[in-house]
Amino acid sequence: TSLTDRVGYLVVLERSDAITWLSLRNAPEVHIVAVDQLNTYDVLAADD
């Protein structure tokens, strides 16, 4: 929320970043994707 006031986030992580995965996996406004699975639909579905 300190990055932007929009509420739809696509967070791109490394597969080894377990701490961030566990922190955001249940947040409804956040969609997490591994860097090797980044795709067009997820980018368009998110605000940031």
All heavy atoms as atom14 arrays in JSON, in Angstrom:
{
  "sequence": "TSLTDRVGYLVVLERSDAITWLSLRNAPEVHIVAVDQLNTYDVLAADD",
  "atom14_mask": [
    [1, 1, 1, 1, 1, 1, 1, 0, 0, 0, 0, 0, 0, 0],
    [1, 1, 1, 1, 1, 1, 0, 0, 0, 0, 0, 0, 0, 0],
    [1, 1, 1, 1, 1, 1, 1, 1, 0, 0, 0, 0, 0, 0],
    [1, 1, 1, 1, 1, 1, 1, 0, 0, 0, 0, 0, 0, 0],
    [1, 1, 1, 1, 1, 1, 1, 1, 0, 0, 0, 0, 0, 0],
    [1, 1, 1, 1, 1, 1, 1, 1, 1, 1, 1, 0, 0, 0],
    [1, 1, 1, 1, 1, 1, 1, 0, 0, 0, 0, 0, 0, 0],
    [1, 1, 1, 1, 0, 0, 0, 0, 0, 0, 0, 0, 0, 0],
    [1, 1, 1, 1, 1, 1, 1, 1, 1, 1, 1, 1, 0, 0],
    [1, 1, 1, 1, 1, 1, 1, 1, 0, 0, 0, 0, 0, 0],
    [1, 1, 1, 1, 1, 1, 1, 0, 0, 0, 0, 0, 0, 0],
    [1, 1, 1, 1, 1, 1, 1, 0, 0, 0, 0, 0, 0, 0],
    [1, 1, 1, 1, 1, 1, 1, 1, 0, 0, 0, 0, 0, 0],
    [1, 1, 1, 1, 1, 1, 1, 1, 1, 0, 0, 0, 0, 0],
    [1, 1, 1, 1, 1, 1, 1, 1, 1, 1, 1, 0, 0, 0],
    [1, 1, 1, 1, 1, 1, 0, 0, 0, 0, 0, 0, 0, 0],
    [1, 1, 1, 1, 1, 1, 1, 1, 0, 0, 0, 0, 0, 0],
    [1, 1, 1, 1, 1, 0, 0, 0, 0, 0, 0, 0, 0, 0],
    [1, 1, 1, 1, 1, 1, 1, 1, 0, 0, 0, 0, 0, 0],
    [1, 1, 1, 1, 1, 1, 1, 0, 0, 0, 0, 0, 0, 0],
    [1, 1, 1, 1, 1, 1, 1, 1, 1, 1, 1, 1, 1, 1],
    [1, 1, 1, 1, 1, 1, 1, 1, 0, 0, 0, 0, 0, 0],
    [1, 1, 1, 1, 1, 1, 0, 0, 0, 0, 0, 0, 0, 0],
    [1, 1, 1, 1, 1, 1, 1, 1, 0, 0, 0, 0, 0, 0],
    [1, 1, 1, 1, 1, 1, 1, 1, 1, 1, 1, 0, 0, 0],
    [1, 1, 1, 1, 1, 1, 1, 1, 0, 0, 0, 0, 0, 0],
    [1, 1, 1, 1, 1, 0, 0, 0, 0, 0, 0, 0, 0, 0],
    [1, 1, 1, 1, 1, 1, 1, 0, 0, 0, 0, 0, 0, 0],
    [1, 1, 1, 1, 1, 1, 1, 1, 1, 0, 0, 0, 0, 0],
    [1, 1, 1, 1, 1, 1, 1, 0, 0, 0, 0, 0, 0, 0],
    [1, 1, 1, 1, 1, 1, 1, 1, 1, 1, 0, 0, 0, 0],
    [1, 1, 1, 1, 1, 1, 1, 1, 0, 0, 0, 0, 0, 0],
    [1, 1, 1, 1, 1, 1, 1, 0, 0, 0, 0, 0, 0, 0],
    [1, 1, 1, 1, 1, 0, 0, 0, 0, 0, 0, 0, 0, 0],
    [1, 1, 1, 1, 1, 1, 1, 0, 0, 0, 0, 0, 0, 0],
    [1, 1, 1, 1, 1, 1, 1, 1, 0, 0, 0, 0, 0, 0],
    [1, 1, 1, 1, 1, 1, 1, 1, 1, 0, 0, 0, 0, 0],
    [1, 1, 1, 1, 1, 1, 1, 1, 0, 0, 0, 0, 0, 0],
    [1, 1, 1, 1, 1, 1, 1, 1, 0, 0, 0, 0, 0, 0],
    [1, 1, 1, 1, 1, 1, 1, 0, 0, 0, 0, 0, 0, 0],
    [1, 1, 1, 1, 1, 1, 1, 1, 1, 1, 1, 1, 0, 0],
    [1, 1, 1, 1, 1, 1, 1, 1, 0, 0, 0, 0, 0, 0],
    [1, 1, 1, 1, 1, 1, 1, 0, 0, 0, 0, 0, 0, 0],
    [1, 1, 1, 1, 1, 1, 1, 1, 0, 0, 0, 0, 0, 0],
    [1, 1, 1, 1, 1, 0, 0, 0, 0, 0, 0, 0, 0, 0],
    [1, 1, 1, 1, 1, 0, 0, 0, 0, 0, 0, 0, 0, 0],
    [1, 1, 1, 1, 1, 1, 1, 1, 0, 0, 0, 0, 0, 0],
    [1, 1, 1, 1, 1, 1, 1, 1, 0, 0, 0, 0, 0, 0]
  ],
  "atom14_positions": [
    [[0.82, -1.21, 0.0], [0.0, 0.0, 0.0], [0.86, 1.27, 0.0], [0.38, 2.33, -0.41], [-0.93, 0.02, 1.22], [-0.15, -0.17, 2.42], [-1.97, -1.08, 1.12], [0.0, 0.0, 0.0], [0.0, 0.0, 0.0], [0.0, 0.0, 0.0], [0.0, 0.0, 0.0], [0.0, 0.0, 0.0], [0.0, 0.0, 0.0], [0.0, 0.0, 0.0]],
    [[2.12, 1.16, 0.44], [2.99, 2.33, 0.4], [3.48, 2.62, -1.02], [3.97, 3.71, -1.31], [4.19, 2.12, 1.33], [5.03, 1.08, 0.84], [0.0, 0.0, 0.0], [0.0, 0.0, 0.0], [0.0, 0.0, 0.0], [0.0, 0.0, 0.0], [0.0, 0.0, 0.0], [0.0, 0.0, 0.0], [0.0, 0.0, 0.0], [0.0, 0.0, 0.0]],
    [[3.36, 1.6, -1.93], [3.77, 1.8, -3.32], [2.71, 2.52, -4.13], [3.01, 3.34, -5.0], [4.09, 0.45, -3.97], [5.28, -0.33, -3.41], [5.33, -1.72, -4.05], [6.58, 0.42, -3.66], [0.0, 0.0, 0.0], [0.0, 0.0, 0.0], [0.0, 0.0, 0.0], [0.0, 0.0, 0.0], [0.0, 0.0, 0.0], [0.0, 0.0, 0.0]],
    [[1.44, 2.2, -3.9], [0.34, 2.75, -4.69], [-0.95, 2.66, -3.9], [-1.08, 1.84, -2.97], [0.2, 1.99, -6.02], [-0.93, 2.47, -6.71], [0.05, 0.51, -5.79], [0.0, 0.0, 0.0], [0.0, 0.0, 0.0], [0.0, 0.0, 0.0], [0.0, 0.0, 0.0], [0.0, 0.0, 0.0], [0.0, 0.0, 0.0], [0.0, 0.0, 0.0]],
    [[-1.92, 3.48, -4.27], [-3.22, 3.43, -3.6], [-4.19, 2.5, -4.32], [-5.33, 2.36, -3.91], [-3.82, 4.84, -3.5], [-3.92, 5.51, -4.87], [-3.4, 4.94, -5.84], [-4.51, 6.61, -4.94], [0.0, 0.0, 0.0], [0.0, 0.0, 0.0], [0.0, 0.0, 0.0], [0.0, 0.0, 0.0], [0.0, 0.0, 0.0], [0.0, 0.0, 0.0]],
    [[-3.76, 1.88, -5.42], [-4.6, 0.9, -6.09], [-4.55, -0.43, -5.33], [-3.61, -0.68, -4.58], [-4.14, 0.72, -7.55], [-4.41, 1.96, -8.41], [-3.87, 1.79, -9.82], [-2.42, 1.87, -9.83], [-1.74, 3.0, -10.0], [-2.39, 4.14, -10.18], [-0.43, 3.01, -10.01], [0.0, 0.0, 0.0], [0.0, 0.0, 0.0], [0.0, 0.0, 0.0]],
    [[-5.56, -1.26, -5.54], [-5.71, -2.41, -4.65], [-5.51, -3.77, -5.33], [-5.63, -4.8, -4.68], [-7.1, -2.41, -3.99], [-7.22, -1.21, -3.05], [-8.21, -2.37, -5.04], [0.0, 0.0, 0.0], [0.0, 0.0, 0.0], [0.0, 0.0, 0.0], [0.0, 0.0, 0.0], [0.0, 0.0, 0.0], [0.0, 0.0, 0.0], [0.0, 0.0, 0.0]],
    [[-5.22, -3.79, -6.62], [-4.99, -5.07, -7.29], [-3.52, -5.24, -7.59], [-2.95, -4.51, -8.41], [0.0, 0.0, 0.0], [0.0, 0.0, 0.0], [0.0, 0.0, 0.0], [0.0, 0.0, 0.0], [0.0, 0.0, 0.0], [0.0, 0.0, 0.0], [0.0, 0.0, 0.0], [0.0, 0.0, 0.0], [0.0, 0.0, 0.0], [0.0, 0.0, 0.0]],
    [[-2.86, -6.19, -6.91], [-1.41, -6.35, -7.03], [-1.07, -7.7, -7.65], [-1.67, -8.72, -7.31], [-0.73, -6.28, -5.65], [-1.08, -5.06, -4.84], [-2.03, -5.14, -3.82], [-0.47, -3.83, -5.06], [-2.36, -4.04, -3.06], [-0.79, -2.72, -4.3], [-1.74, -2.83, -3.3], [-2.07, -1.72, -2.54], [0.0, 0.0, 0.0], [0.0, 0.0, 0.0]],
    [[-0.12, -7.67, -8.57], [0.52, -8.9, -9.05], [1.95, -8.87, -8.53], [2.74, -8.01, -8.91], [0.51, -8.97, -10.58], [1.29, -10.15, -11.17], [0.64, -11.48, -10.79], [1.39, -10.03, -12.69], [0.0, 0.0, 0.0], [0.0, 0.0, 0.0], [0.0, 0.0, 0.0], [0.0, 0.0, 0.0], [0.0, 0.0, 0.0], [0.0, 0.0, 0.0]],
    [[2.27, -9.79, -7.64], [3.59, -9.84, -7.03], [4.38, -10.97, -7.68], [3.94, -12.13, -7.66], [3.5, -10.05, -5.51], [4.89, -10.12, -4.89], [2.7, -8.92, -4.87], [0.0, 0.0, 0.0], [0.0, 0.0, 0.0], [0.0, 0.0, 0.0], [0.0, 0.0, 0.0], [0.0, 0.0, 0.0], [0.0, 0.0, 0.0], [0.0, 0.0, 0.0]],
    [[5.5, -10.64, -8.27], [6.34, -11.61, -8.98], [7.53, -11.95, -8.07], [8.31, -11.06, -7.7], [6.83, -11.05, -10.32], [7.58, -12.13, -11.1], [5.66, -10.51, -11.13], [0.0, 0.0, 0.0], [0.0, 0.0, 0.0], [0.0, 0.0, 0.0], [0.0, 0.0, 0.0], [0.0, 0.0, 0.0], [0.0, 0.0, 0.0], [0.0, 0.0, 0.0]],
    [[7.65, -13.24, -7.72], [8.67, -13.67, -6.76], [9.53, -14.78, -7.33], [9.15, -15.46, -8.29], [8.0, -14.18, -5.47], [7.07, -13.23, -4.72], [6.42, -13.97, -3.56], [7.84, -12.02, -4.22], [0.0, 0.0, 0.0], [0.0, 0.0, 0.0], [0.0, 0.0, 0.0], [0.0, 0.0, 0.0], [0.0, 0.0, 0.0], [0.0, 0.0, 0.0]],
    [[10.66, -14.96, -6.71], [11.46, -16.16, -6.96], [10.84, -17.33, -6.21], [10.21, -17.15, -5.15], [12.9, -15.94, -6.49], [13.66, -14.87, -7.24], [15.04, -14.65, -6.66], [15.13, -14.0, -5.6], [16.01, -15.14, -7.25], [0.0, 0.0, 0.0], [0.0, 0.0, 0.0], [0.0, 0.0, 0.0], [0.0, 0.0, 0.0], [0.0, 0.0, 0.0]],
    [[11.03, -18.51, -6.71], [10.45, -19.68, -6.05], [11.08, -19.94, -4.68], [10.47, -20.56, -3.81], [10.62, -20.92, -6.93], [9.76, -20.88, -8.19], [9.82, -22.17, -8.96], [8.97, -22.11, -10.15], [7.68, -22.43, -10.17], [7.1, -22.83, -9.06], [6.98, -22.36, -11.29], [0.0, 0.0, 0.0], [0.0, 0.0, 0.0], [0.0, 0.0, 0.0]],
    [[12.28, -19.45, -4.47], [12.97, -19.67, -3.19], [12.57, -18.65, -2.12], [12.95, -18.79, -0.96], [14.49, -19.6, -3.41], [14.85, -18.34, -3.96], [0.0, 0.0, 0.0], [0.0, 0.0, 0.0], [0.0, 0.0, 0.0], [0.0, 0.0, 0.0], [0.0, 0.0, 0.0], [0.0, 0.0, 0.0], [0.0, 0.0, 0.0], [0.0, 0.0, 0.0]],
    [[11.77, -17.63, -2.49], [11.38, -16.58, -1.53], [10.18, -17.06, -0.72], [9.06, -16.57, -0.88], [11.05, -15.3, -2.29], [10.93, -14.1, -1.36], [11.03, -14.29, -0.13], [10.74, -12.98, -1.87], [0.0, 0.0, 0.0], [0.0, 0.0, 0.0], [0.0, 0.0, 0.0], [0.0, 0.0, 0.0], [0.0, 0.0, 0.0], [0.0, 0.0, 0.0]],
    [[10.41, -18.0, 0.19], [9.32, -18.62, 0.94], [8.67, -17.65, 1.92], [7.45, -17.73, 2.17], [9.85, -19.84, 1.71], [0.0, 0.0, 0.0], [0.0, 0.0, 0.0], [0.0, 0.0, 0.0], [0.0, 0.0, 0.0], [0.0, 0.0, 0.0], [0.0, 0.0, 0.0], [0.0, 0.0, 0.0], [0.0, 0.0, 0.0], [0.0, 0.0, 0.0]],
    [[9.41, -16.7, 2.48], [8.86, -15.78, 3.47], [7.77, -14.92, 2.84], [6.66, -14.76, 3.4], [9.98, -14.88, 4.07], [11.06, -15.75, 4.73], [9.39, -13.91, 5.07], [10.56, -16.57, 5.89], [0.0, 0.0, 0.0], [0.0, 0.0, 0.0], [0.0, 0.0, 0.0], [0.0, 0.0, 0.0], [0.0, 0.0, 0.0], [0.0, 0.0, 0.0]],
    [[8.03, -14.37, 1.67], [7.03, -13.53, 1.0], [5.84, -14.35, 0.51], [4.69, -13.9, 0.56], [7.67, -12.77, -0.17], [8.88, -12.14, 0.27], [6.74, -11.72, -0.71], [0.0, 0.0, 0.0], [0.0, 0.0, 0.0], [0.0, 0.0, 0.0], [0.0, 0.0, 0.0], [0.0, 0.0, 0.0], [0.0, 0.0, 0.0], [0.0, 0.0, 0.0]],
    [[6.11, -15.55, 0.03], [5.02, -16.43, -0.4], [4.05, -16.67, 0.77], [2.83, -16.56, 0.61], [5.57, -17.78, -0.87], [6.05, -17.78, -2.29], [7.31, -17.54, -2.73], [5.26, -18.03, -3.46], [7.37, -17.63, -4.1], [6.13, -17.93, -4.59], [3.93, -18.33, -3.68], [5.69, -18.12, -5.89], [3.49, -18.52, -4.99], [4.36, -18.41, -6.07]],
    [[4.59, -17.02, 1.93], [3.75, -17.31, 3.09], [3.03, -16.06, 3.59], [1.91, -16.14, 4.1], [4.59, -17.91, 4.21], [5.18, -19.3, 3.95], [6.14, -19.71, 5.05], [4.06, -20.33, 3.82], [0.0, 0.0, 0.0], [0.0, 0.0, 0.0], [0.0, 0.0, 0.0], [0.0, 0.0, 0.0], [0.0, 0.0, 0.0], [0.0, 0.0, 0.0]],
    [[3.64, -14.9, 3.42], [3.04, -13.66, 3.91], [1.84, -13.24, 3.09], [0.88, -12.67, 3.63], [4.09, -12.54, 3.92], [5.17, -12.86, 4.76], [0.0, 0.0, 0.0], [0.0, 0.0, 0.0], [0.0, 0.0, 0.0], [0.0, 0.0, 0.0], [0.0, 0.0, 0.0], [0.0, 0.0, 0.0], [0.0, 0.0, 0.0], [0.0, 0.0, 0.0]],
    [[1.87, -13.47, 1.79], [0.84, -12.93, 0.89], [-0.1, -13.97, 0.31], [-1.0, -13.61, -0.47], [1.51, -12.15, -0.25], [2.23, -10.86, 0.15], [2.97, -10.28, -1.04], [1.25, -9.84, 0.71], [0.0, 0.0, 0.0], [0.0, 0.0, 0.0], [0.0, 0.0, 0.0], [0.0, 0.0, 0.0], [0.0, 0.0, 0.0], [0.0, 0.0, 0.0]],
    [[0.06, -15.23, 0.63], [-0.72, -16.26, -0.05], [-2.21, -16.17, 0.26], [-3.04, -16.63, -0.53], [-0.19, -17.65, 0.32], [-0.31, -17.98, 1.79], [0.22, -19.36, 2.09], [0.15, -19.67, 3.51], [0.48, -20.84, 4.03], [0.91, -21.82, 3.23], [0.39, -21.06, 5.32], [0.0, 0.0, 0.0], [0.0, 0.0, 0.0], [0.0, 0.0, 0.0]],
    [[-2.59, -15.59, 1.4], [-4.0, -15.51, 1.77], [-4.6, -14.12, 1.56], [-5.77, -13.9, 1.89], [-4.19, -15.93, 3.24], [-3.95, -17.41, 3.44], [-4.22, -18.21, 2.55], [-3.46, -17.78, 4.6], [0.0, 0.0, 0.0], [0.0, 0.0, 0.0], [0.0, 0.0, 0.0], [0.0, 0.0, 0.0], [0.0, 0.0, 0.0], [0.0, 0.0, 0.0]],
    [[-3.83, -13.18, 1.05], [-4.35, -11.83, 0.83], [-5.2, -11.8, -0.43], [-4.69, -12.1, -1.52], [-3.19, -10.84, 0.73], [0.0, 0.0, 0.0], [0.0, 0.0, 0.0], [0.0, 0.0, 0.0], [0.0, 0.0, 0.0], [0.0, 0.0, 0.0], [0.0, 0.0, 0.0], [0.0, 0.0, 0.0], [0.0, 0.0, 0.0], [0.0, 0.0, 0.0]],
    [[-6.49, -11.46, -0.32], [-7.38, -11.54, -1.49], [-7.04, -10.53, -2.58], [-7.34, -10.77, -3.76], [-8.77, -11.26, -0.9], [-8.52, -10.53, 0.37], [-7.2, -11.02, 0.89], [0.0, 0.0, 0.0], [0.0, 0.0, 0.0], [0.0, 0.0, 0.0], [0.0, 0.0, 0.0], [0.0, 0.0, 0.0], [0.0, 0.0, 0.0], [0.0, 0.0, 0.0]],
    [[-6.41, -9.42, -2.23], [-6.11, -8.4, -3.23], [-4.77, -8.62, -3.92], [-4.37, -7.83, -4.78], [-6.13, -7.0, -2.59], [-5.06, -6.77, -1.55], [-5.55, -7.11, -0.14], [-6.3, -8.1, 0.0], [-5.19, -6.39, 0.79], [0.0, 0.0, 0.0], [0.0, 0.0, 0.0], [0.0, 0.0, 0.0], [0.0, 0.0, 0.0], [0.0, 0.0, 0.0]],
    [[-4.09, -9.7, -3.55], [-2.76, -9.98, -4.09], [-2.78, -11.31, -4.83], [-3.32, -12.3, -4.34], [-1.7, -10.03, -2.97], [-0.33, -10.35, -3.55], [-1.66, -8.7, -2.22], [0.0, 0.0, 0.0], [0.0, 0.0, 0.0], [0.0, 0.0, 0.0], [0.0, 0.0, 0.0], [0.0, 0.0, 0.0], [0.0, 0.0, 0.0], [0.0, 0.0, 0.0]],
    [[-2.2, -11.3, -6.02], [-1.98, -12.55, -6.75], [-0.47, -12.75, -6.88], [0.23, -11.88, -7.39], [-2.63, -12.5, -8.13], [-2.45, -13.77, -8.91], [-3.02, -14.96, -8.54], [-1.75, -14.03, -10.05], [-2.69, -15.9, -9.41], [-1.91, -15.36, -10.34], [0.0, 0.0, 0.0], [0.0, 0.0, 0.0], [0.0, 0.0, 0.0], [0.0, 0.0, 0.0]],
    [[0.0, -13.9, -6.41], [1.43, -14.18, -6.46], [1.71, -15.12, -7.62], [0.95, -16.06, -7.88], [1.92, -14.84, -5.15], [1.39, -14.08, -3.94], [3.43, -14.91, -5.1], [1.7, -14.76, -2.62], [0.0, 0.0, 0.0], [0.0, 0.0, 0.0], [0.0, 0.0, 0.0], [0.0, 0.0, 0.0], [0.0, 0.0, 0.0], [0.0, 0.0, 0.0]],
    [[2.8, -14.86, -8.31], [3.2, -15.73, -9.42], [4.72, -15.85, -9.4], [5.43, -14.89, -9.07], [2.69, -15.17, -10.76], [3.36, -13.86, -11.11], [2.9, -16.15, -11.89], [0.0, 0.0, 0.0], [0.0, 0.0, 0.0], [0.0, 0.0, 0.0], [0.0, 0.0, 0.0], [0.0, 0.0, 0.0], [0.0, 0.0, 0.0], [0.0, 0.0, 0.0]],
    [[5.2, -17.05, -9.73], [6.65, -17.24, -9.84], [7.14, -16.56, -11.1], [6.42, -16.42, -12.09], [6.99, -18.73, -9.88], [0.0, 0.0, 0.0], [0.0, 0.0, 0.0], [0.0, 0.0, 0.0], [0.0, 0.0, 0.0], [0.0, 0.0, 0.0], [0.0, 0.0, 0.0], [0.0, 0.0, 0.0], [0.0, 0.0, 0.0], [0.0, 0.0, 0.0]],
    [[8.4, -16.14, -11.07], [8.93, -15.34, -12.18], [8.91, -16.13, -13.49], [8.71, -15.55, -14.57], [10.36, -14.85, -11.85], [11.31, -16.03, -11.68], [10.87, -13.91, -12.92], [0.0, 0.0, 0.0], [0.0, 0.0, 0.0], [0.0, 0.0, 0.0], [0.0, 0.0, 0.0], [0.0, 0.0, 0.0], [0.0, 0.0, 0.0], [0.0, 0.0, 0.0]],
    [[9.06, -17.45, -13.42], [9.04, -18.24, -14.65], [7.62, -18.56, -15.12], [7.44, -19.21, -16.15], [9.84, -19.54, -14.46], [9.33, -20.36, -13.3], [8.7, -19.78, -12.39], [9.56, -21.59, -13.28], [0.0, 0.0, 0.0], [0.0, 0.0, 0.0], [0.0, 0.0, 0.0], [0.0, 0.0, 0.0], [0.0, 0.0, 0.0], [0.0, 0.0, 0.0]],
    [[6.6, -18.11, -14.36], [5.21, -18.33, -14.74], [4.47, -17.02, -15.06], [3.26, -17.01, -15.18], [4.47, -19.05, -13.6], [5.0, -20.45, -13.31], [4.75, -21.39, -14.47], [3.67, -21.41, -15.03], [5.75, -22.18, -14.83], [0.0, 0.0, 0.0], [0.0, 0.0, 0.0], [0.0, 0.0, 0.0], [0.0, 0.0, 0.0], [0.0, 0.0, 0.0]],
    [[5.21, -15.94, -15.19], [4.6, -14.65, -15.5], [3.9, -14.72, -16.85], [4.46, -15.21, -17.83], [5.67, -13.56, -15.52], [5.2, -12.12, -15.68], [4.27, -11.72, -14.55], [6.39, -11.18, -15.74], [0.0, 0.0, 0.0], [0.0, 0.0, 0.0], [0.0, 0.0, 0.0], [0.0, 0.0, 0.0], [0.0, 0.0, 0.0], [0.0, 0.0, 0.0]],
    [[2.65, -14.25, -16.9], [1.87, -14.38, -18.12], [1.04, -13.12, -18.37], [0.86, -12.28, -17.49], [0.96, -15.61, -18.05], [0.01, -15.53, -16.87], [-1.06, -14.93, -16.97], [0.39, -16.12, -15.75], [0.0, 0.0, 0.0], [0.0, 0.0, 0.0], [0.0, 0.0, 0.0], [0.0, 0.0, 0.0], [0.0, 0.0, 0.0], [0.0, 0.0, 0.0]],
    [[0.53, -13.01, -19.58], [-0.19, -11.81, -20.02], [-1.47, -11.59, -19.23], [-1.79, -10.47, -18.82], [-0.52, -11.92, -21.52], [0.68, -12.18, -22.24], [-1.14, -10.65, -22.04], [0.0, 0.0, 0.0], [0.0, 0.0, 0.0], [0.0, 0.0, 0.0], [0.0, 0.0, 0.0], [0.0, 0.0, 0.0], [0.0, 0.0, 0.0], [0.0, 0.0, 0.0]],
    [[-2.24, -12.65, -19.0], [-3.53, -12.5, -18.33], [-3.36, -11.93, -16.92], [-4.09, -11.02, -16.51], [-4.24, -13.85, -18.26], [-5.54, -13.8, -17.49], [-6.69, -13.29, -18.08], [-5.6, -14.23, -16.17], [-7.89, -13.23, -17.38], [-6.79, -14.17, -15.46], [-7.92, -13.67, -16.06], [-9.1, -13.6, -15.36], [0.0, 0.0, 0.0], [0.0, 0.0, 0.0]],
    [[-2.41, -12.46, -16.16], [-2.21, -11.98, -14.79], [-1.76, -10.53, -14.76], [-2.13, -9.76, -13.87], [-1.19, -12.87, -14.07], [-1.75, -14.23, -13.73], [-2.99, -14.35, -13.64], [-0.96, -15.19, -13.55], [0.0, 0.0, 0.0], [0.0, 0.0, 0.0], [0.0, 0.0, 0.0], [0.0, 0.0, 0.0], [0.0, 0.0, 0.0], [0.0, 0.0, 0.0]],
    [[-0.93, -10.13, -15.75], [-0.49, -8.73, -15.81], [-1.68, -7.81, -16.07], [-1.83, -6.76, -15.44], [0.58, -8.55, -16.9], [0.91, -7.07, -17.09], [1.85, -9.32, -16.52], [0.0, 0.0, 0.0], [0.0, 0.0, 0.0], [0.0, 0.0, 0.0], [0.0, 0.0, 0.0], [0.0, 0.0, 0.0], [0.0, 0.0, 0.0], [0.0, 0.0, 0.0]],
    [[-2.57, -8.2, -16.98], [-3.72, -7.36, -17.31], [-4.77, -7.35, -16.2], [-5.48, -6.36, -16.02], [-4.36, -7.85, -18.61], [-3.5, -7.75, -19.87], [-4.26, -8.3, -21.07], [-3.09, -6.31, -20.13], [0.0, 0.0, 0.0], [0.0, 0.0, 0.0], [0.0, 0.0, 0.0], [0.0, 0.0, 0.0], [0.0, 0.0, 0.0], [0.0, 0.0, 0.0]],
    [[-4.86, -8.45, -15.46], [-5.86, -8.54, -14.39], [-5.48, -7.72, -13.17], [-6.34, -7.43, -12.33], [-6.07, -10.0, -14.0], [0.0, 0.0, 0.0], [0.0, 0.0, 0.0], [0.0, 0.0, 0.0], [0.0, 0.0, 0.0], [0.0, 0.0, 0.0], [0.0, 0.0, 0.0], [0.0, 0.0, 0.0], [0.0, 0.0, 0.0], [0.0, 0.0, 0.0]],
    [[-4.21, -7.35, -13.04], [-3.74, -6.6, -11.87], [-3.59, -5.12, -12.22], [-3.36, -4.75, -13.38], [-2.41, -7.17, -11.38], [0.0, 0.0, 0.0], [0.0, 0.0, 0.0], [0.0, 0.0, 0.0], [0.0, 0.0, 0.0], [0.0, 0.0, 0.0], [0.0, 0.0, 0.0], [0.0, 0.0, 0.0], [0.0, 0.0, 0.0], [0.0, 0.0, 0.0]],
    [[-3.71, -4.28, -11.19], [-3.49, -2.85, -11.39], [-2.0, -2.52, -11.42], [-1.57, -1.7, -12.22], [-4.16, -2.05, -10.26], [-5.68, -2.16, -10.31], [-6.23, -2.21, -11.43], [-6.31, -2.24, -9.24], [0.0, 0.0, 0.0], [0.0, 0.0, 0.0], [0.0, 0.0, 0.0], [0.0, 0.0, 0.0], [0.0, 0.0, 0.0], [0.0, 0.0, 0.0]],
    [[-1.24, -3.14, -10.53], [0.19, -2.87, -10.43], [0.96, -4.18, -10.41], [0.49, -5.18, -9.84], [0.51, -2.07, -9.17], [0.04, -0.64, -9.26], [-1.17, -0.39, -9.05], [0.87, 0.24, -9.53], [0.0, 0.0, 0.0], [0.0, 0.0, 0.0], [0.0, 0.0, 0.0], [0.0, 0.0, 0.0], [0.0, 0.0, 0.0], [0.0, 0.0, 0.0]]
  ]
}
